[in-house]
Amino acid sequence: MFPQAVQDTRYAVRTFFRNRGFAAVSLLTLALGIGATTSIFSLIDAVLLRPLPYRQPERLVAIFEDFGPIGFVHKPGAIVVSPIFP
């Protein structure tokens, strides 16, 4: 089993050295794919999977006001997060 894998690896390396452009594009594509996957997983892990670093995160609320009738449009990024106090 392993001798065949070693032979296949040697053949792949020889082929890559013959076609350096193909090897560069292949390695660049792999690097970009692995980097993108890692960064997206890190973002999802930090935002969705890990609990918030507060004592009772389920008691957090978002407070904002909307003054639509008088012409003020609320911007979605302008949210104040505050804990609910008893």
N, C-alpha and C. Protein backbone atom coordinates (compact mmCIF):
# COMPACT_ATOMS: atom_id res chain seq x y z
N MET A 1 0.82 -1.19 0.00
CA MET A 1 0.00 0.00 0.00
C MET A 1 0.87 1.26 0.00
N PHE A 2 1.83 1.33 0.90
CA PHE A 2 2.67 2.52 0.96
C PHE A 2 3.63 2.66 -0.22
N PRO A 3 4.18 1.58 -0.76
CA PRO A 3 5.06 1.77 -1.93
C PRO A 3 4.33 2.41 -3.10
N GLN A 4 3.06 2.08 -3.30
CA GLN A 4 2.29 2.70 -4.38
C GLN A 4 2.08 4.20 -4.11
N ALA A 5 1.82 4.55 -2.86
CA ALA A 5 1.64 5.97 -2.50
C ALA A 5 2.93 6.75 -2.70
N VAL A 6 4.06 6.15 -2.35
CA VAL A 6 5.36 6.82 -2.54
C VAL A 6 5.62 7.01 -4.04
N GLN A 7 5.33 6.01 -4.83
CA GLN A 7 5.52 6.11 -6.28
C GLN A 7 4.61 7.19 -6.86
N ASP A 8 3.37 7.25 -6.42
CA ASP A 8 2.44 8.28 -6.92
C ASP A 8 2.90 9.68 -6.51
N THR A 9 3.42 9.81 -5.30
CA THR A 9 3.92 11.11 -4.84
C THR A 9 5.12 11.56 -5.67
N ARG A 10 6.03 10.66 -5.93
CA ARG A 10 7.20 11.00 -6.77
C ARG A 10 6.76 11.44 -8.16
N TYR A 11 5.80 10.73 -8.73
CA TYR A 11 5.29 11.09 -10.06
C TYR A 11 4.64 12.47 -10.04
N ALA A 12 3.87 12.76 -8.99
CA ALA A 12 3.22 14.08 -8.89
C ALA A 12 4.25 15.19 -8.77
N VAL A 13 5.30 14.97 -7.97
CA VAL A 13 6.34 15.99 -7.82
C VAL A 13 7.08 16.20 -9.13
N ARG A 14 7.40 15.12 -9.85
CA ARG A 14 8.06 15.27 -11.15
C ARG A 14 7.19 16.05 -12.13
N THR A 15 5.89 15.76 -12.13
CA THR A 15 4.97 16.45 -13.02
C THR A 15 4.89 17.93 -12.68
N PHE A 16 4.85 18.24 -11.39
CA PHE A 16 4.80 19.65 -10.97
C PHE A 16 6.06 20.40 -11.39
N PHE A 17 7.23 19.74 -11.29
CA PHE A 17 8.45 20.44 -11.69
C PHE A 17 8.54 20.63 -13.21
N ARG A 18 7.90 19.77 -13.97
CA ARG A 18 7.87 19.96 -15.43
C ARG A 18 6.96 21.11 -15.82
N ASN A 19 5.82 21.22 -15.16
CA ASN A 19 4.85 22.28 -15.47
C ASN A 19 4.77 23.24 -14.29
N ARG A 20 5.73 24.14 -14.20
CA ARG A 20 5.80 25.04 -13.05
C ARG A 20 4.61 25.99 -12.97
N GLY A 21 4.09 26.43 -14.10
CA GLY A 21 2.94 27.32 -14.10
C GLY A 21 1.72 26.63 -13.51
N PHE A 22 1.50 25.40 -13.94
CA PHE A 22 0.38 24.62 -13.41
C PHE A 22 0.55 24.38 -11.91
N ALA A 23 1.77 24.10 -11.49
CA ALA A 23 2.03 23.87 -10.07
C ALA A 23 1.76 25.14 -9.26
N ALA A 24 2.18 26.29 -9.79
CA ALA A 24 1.97 27.54 -9.07
C ALA A 24 0.48 27.86 -8.94
N VAL A 25 -0.26 27.69 -10.03
CA VAL A 25 -1.70 27.95 -10.00
C VAL A 25 -2.40 26.96 -9.07
N SER A 26 -1.99 25.71 -9.08
CA SER A 26 -2.60 24.70 -8.20
C SER A 26 -2.35 25.02 -6.74
N LEU A 27 -1.12 25.35 -6.41
CA LEU A 27 -0.79 25.67 -5.02
C LEU A 27 -1.47 26.96 -4.56
N LEU A 28 -1.54 27.95 -5.44
CA LEU A 28 -2.22 29.20 -5.10
C LEU A 28 -3.70 28.96 -4.86
N THR A 29 -4.32 28.14 -5.70
CA THR A 29 -5.74 27.82 -5.51
C THR A 29 -5.97 27.08 -4.20
N LEU A 30 -5.13 26.12 -3.90
CA LEU A 30 -5.25 25.41 -2.63
C LEU A 30 -5.07 26.35 -1.44
N ALA A 31 -4.07 27.22 -1.51
CA ALA A 31 -3.81 28.15 -0.41
C ALA A 31 -4.99 29.10 -0.20
N LEU A 32 -5.54 29.63 -1.28
CA LEU A 32 -6.69 30.53 -1.16
C LEU A 32 -7.91 29.80 -0.61
N GLY A 33 -8.15 28.59 -1.07
CA GLY A 33 -9.29 27.81 -0.58
C GLY A 33 -9.17 27.47 0.89
N ILE A 34 -8.00 27.04 1.31
CA ILE A 34 -7.79 26.70 2.72
C ILE A 34 -7.88 27.95 3.58
N GLY A 35 -7.30 29.06 3.12
CA GLY A 35 -7.37 30.31 3.88
C GLY A 35 -8.78 30.83 4.01
N ALA A 36 -9.56 30.78 2.93
CA ALA A 36 -10.94 31.25 2.97
C ALA A 36 -11.78 30.38 3.90
N THR A 37 -11.61 29.08 3.80
CA THR A 37 -12.36 28.17 4.66
C THR A 37 -12.03 28.40 6.12
N THR A 38 -10.75 28.58 6.42
CA THR A 38 -10.33 28.81 7.80
C THR A 38 -10.89 30.11 8.34
N SER A 39 -10.84 31.17 7.55
CA SER A 39 -11.34 32.46 8.04
C SER A 39 -12.86 32.44 8.22
N ILE A 40 -13.59 31.80 7.32
CA ILE A 40 -15.05 31.73 7.46
C ILE A 40 -15.42 30.89 8.68
N PHE A 41 -14.73 29.78 8.90
CA PHE A 41 -15.01 28.97 10.08
C PHE A 41 -14.69 29.74 11.35
N SER A 42 -13.58 30.47 11.37
CA SER A 42 -13.22 31.25 12.56
C SER A 42 -14.28 32.30 12.85
N LEU A 43 -14.78 32.95 11.82
CA LEU A 43 -15.82 33.96 12.00
C LEU A 43 -17.10 33.33 12.54
N ILE A 44 -17.53 32.24 11.95
CA ILE A 44 -18.76 31.56 12.40
C ILE A 44 -18.58 31.04 13.82
N ASP A 45 -17.41 30.51 14.12
CA ASP A 45 -17.15 30.00 15.46
C ASP A 45 -17.21 31.12 16.49
N ALA A 46 -16.62 32.27 16.18
CA ALA A 46 -16.60 33.37 17.13
C ALA A 46 -17.97 34.02 17.29
N VAL A 47 -18.75 34.10 16.22
CA VAL A 47 -20.02 34.82 16.27
C VAL A 47 -21.18 33.92 16.68
N LEU A 48 -21.24 32.71 16.16
CA LEU A 48 -22.42 31.88 16.36
C LEU A 48 -22.24 30.73 17.35
N LEU A 49 -21.09 30.13 17.39
CA LEU A 49 -20.94 28.89 18.15
C LEU A 49 -20.51 29.10 19.60
N ARG A 50 -19.66 30.08 19.86
CA ARG A 50 -19.19 30.30 21.23
C ARG A 50 -20.18 31.16 22.00
N PRO A 51 -20.34 30.89 23.29
CA PRO A 51 -21.24 31.75 24.07
C PRO A 51 -20.63 33.12 24.28
N LEU A 52 -21.47 34.10 24.53
CA LEU A 52 -20.99 35.45 24.78
C LEU A 52 -20.21 35.50 26.09
N PRO A 53 -19.21 36.38 26.19
CA PRO A 53 -18.38 36.43 27.39
C PRO A 53 -19.02 37.24 28.52
N TYR A 54 -20.30 37.03 28.77
CA TYR A 54 -21.01 37.70 29.85
C TYR A 54 -21.61 36.64 30.76
N ARG A 55 -21.97 37.06 31.97
CA ARG A 55 -22.48 36.11 32.94
C ARG A 55 -23.80 35.49 32.52
N GLN A 56 -24.77 36.25 32.11
CA GLN A 56 -26.06 35.72 31.66
C GLN A 56 -26.36 36.29 30.28
N PRO A 57 -25.77 35.71 29.23
CA PRO A 57 -25.92 36.29 27.90
C PRO A 57 -27.35 36.31 27.38
N GLU A 58 -28.22 35.45 27.90
CA GLU A 58 -29.60 35.45 27.42
C GLU A 58 -30.37 36.67 27.91
N ARG A 59 -29.79 37.43 28.84
CA ARG A 59 -30.47 38.61 29.37
C ARG A 59 -30.04 39.90 28.66
N LEU A 60 -29.21 39.81 27.63
CA LEU A 60 -28.81 40.99 26.87
C LEU A 60 -29.93 41.39 25.92
N VAL A 61 -30.10 42.70 25.71
CA VAL A 61 -31.13 43.17 24.79
C VAL A 61 -30.54 44.26 23.92
N ALA A 62 -31.13 44.46 22.75
CA ALA A 62 -30.73 45.53 21.84
C ALA A 62 -31.75 46.64 21.94
N ILE A 63 -31.29 47.87 22.14
CA ILE A 63 -32.18 49.02 22.28
C ILE A 63 -31.87 50.00 21.15
N PHE A 64 -32.91 50.41 20.43
CA PHE A 64 -32.75 51.44 19.42
C PHE A 64 -34.09 52.12 19.19
N GLU A 65 -34.03 53.28 18.60
CA GLU A 65 -35.25 54.03 18.32
C GLU A 65 -35.38 54.26 16.83
N ASP A 66 -36.60 54.34 16.36
CA ASP A 66 -36.87 54.57 14.96
C ASP A 66 -37.76 55.80 14.84
N PHE A 67 -37.22 56.85 14.24
CA PHE A 67 -37.97 58.09 14.04
C PHE A 67 -38.40 58.22 12.59
N GLY A 68 -38.90 57.14 12.01
CA GLY A 68 -39.31 57.12 10.62
C GLY A 68 -40.35 58.17 10.25
N PRO A 69 -41.40 58.38 11.06
CA PRO A 69 -42.44 59.35 10.70
C PRO A 69 -41.94 60.79 10.58
N ILE A 70 -40.85 61.15 11.27
CA ILE A 70 -40.38 62.53 11.18
C ILE A 70 -39.19 62.67 10.24
N GLY A 71 -38.88 61.62 9.51
CA GLY A 71 -37.84 61.72 8.48
C GLY A 71 -36.49 61.16 8.85
N PHE A 72 -36.30 60.72 10.09
CA PHE A 72 -35.01 60.15 10.49
C PHE A 72 -35.03 58.66 10.20
N VAL A 73 -34.06 58.19 9.46
CA VAL A 73 -33.98 56.76 9.13
C VAL A 73 -32.95 56.13 10.06
N HIS A 74 -33.37 55.09 10.75
CA HIS A 74 -32.47 54.39 11.67
C HIS A 74 -31.43 53.61 10.88
N LYS A 75 -30.17 53.74 11.27
CA LYS A 75 -29.10 52.98 10.62
C LYS A 75 -28.95 51.65 11.34
N PRO A 76 -28.88 50.53 10.59
CA PRO A 76 -28.83 49.21 11.23
C PRO A 76 -27.63 49.01 12.14
N GLY A 77 -26.52 49.69 11.91
CA GLY A 77 -25.34 49.49 12.75
C GLY A 77 -25.39 50.24 14.06
N ALA A 78 -26.35 51.13 14.24
CA ALA A 78 -26.41 51.96 15.45
C ALA A 78 -27.27 51.30 16.51
N ILE A 79 -26.80 50.21 17.07
CA ILE A 79 -27.54 49.48 18.10
C ILE A 79 -26.74 49.50 19.39
N VAL A 80 -27.39 49.83 20.48
CA VAL A 80 -26.75 49.81 21.80
C VAL A 80 -27.17 48.52 22.48
N VAL A 81 -26.19 47.76 22.92
CA VAL A 81 -26.50 46.51 23.61
C VAL A 81 -26.29 46.73 25.10
N SER A 82 -27.29 46.39 25.87
CA SER A 82 -27.25 46.64 27.30
C SER A 82 -27.84 45.46 28.04
N PRO A 83 -27.29 45.14 29.22
CA PRO A 83 -27.90 44.05 29.99
C PRO A 83 -29.20 44.50 30.62
N ILE A 84 -30.10 43.56 30.87
CA ILE A 84 -31.35 43.85 31.54
C ILE A 84 -31.06 43.85 33.04
N PHE A 85 -31.36 44.96 33.68
CA PHE A 85 -31.14 45.04 35.12
C PHE A 85 -32.45 44.71 35.85
N PRO A 86 -32.36 43.98 36.95
CA PRO A 86 -33.60 43.61 37.68
C PRO A 86 -34.22 44.79 38.39
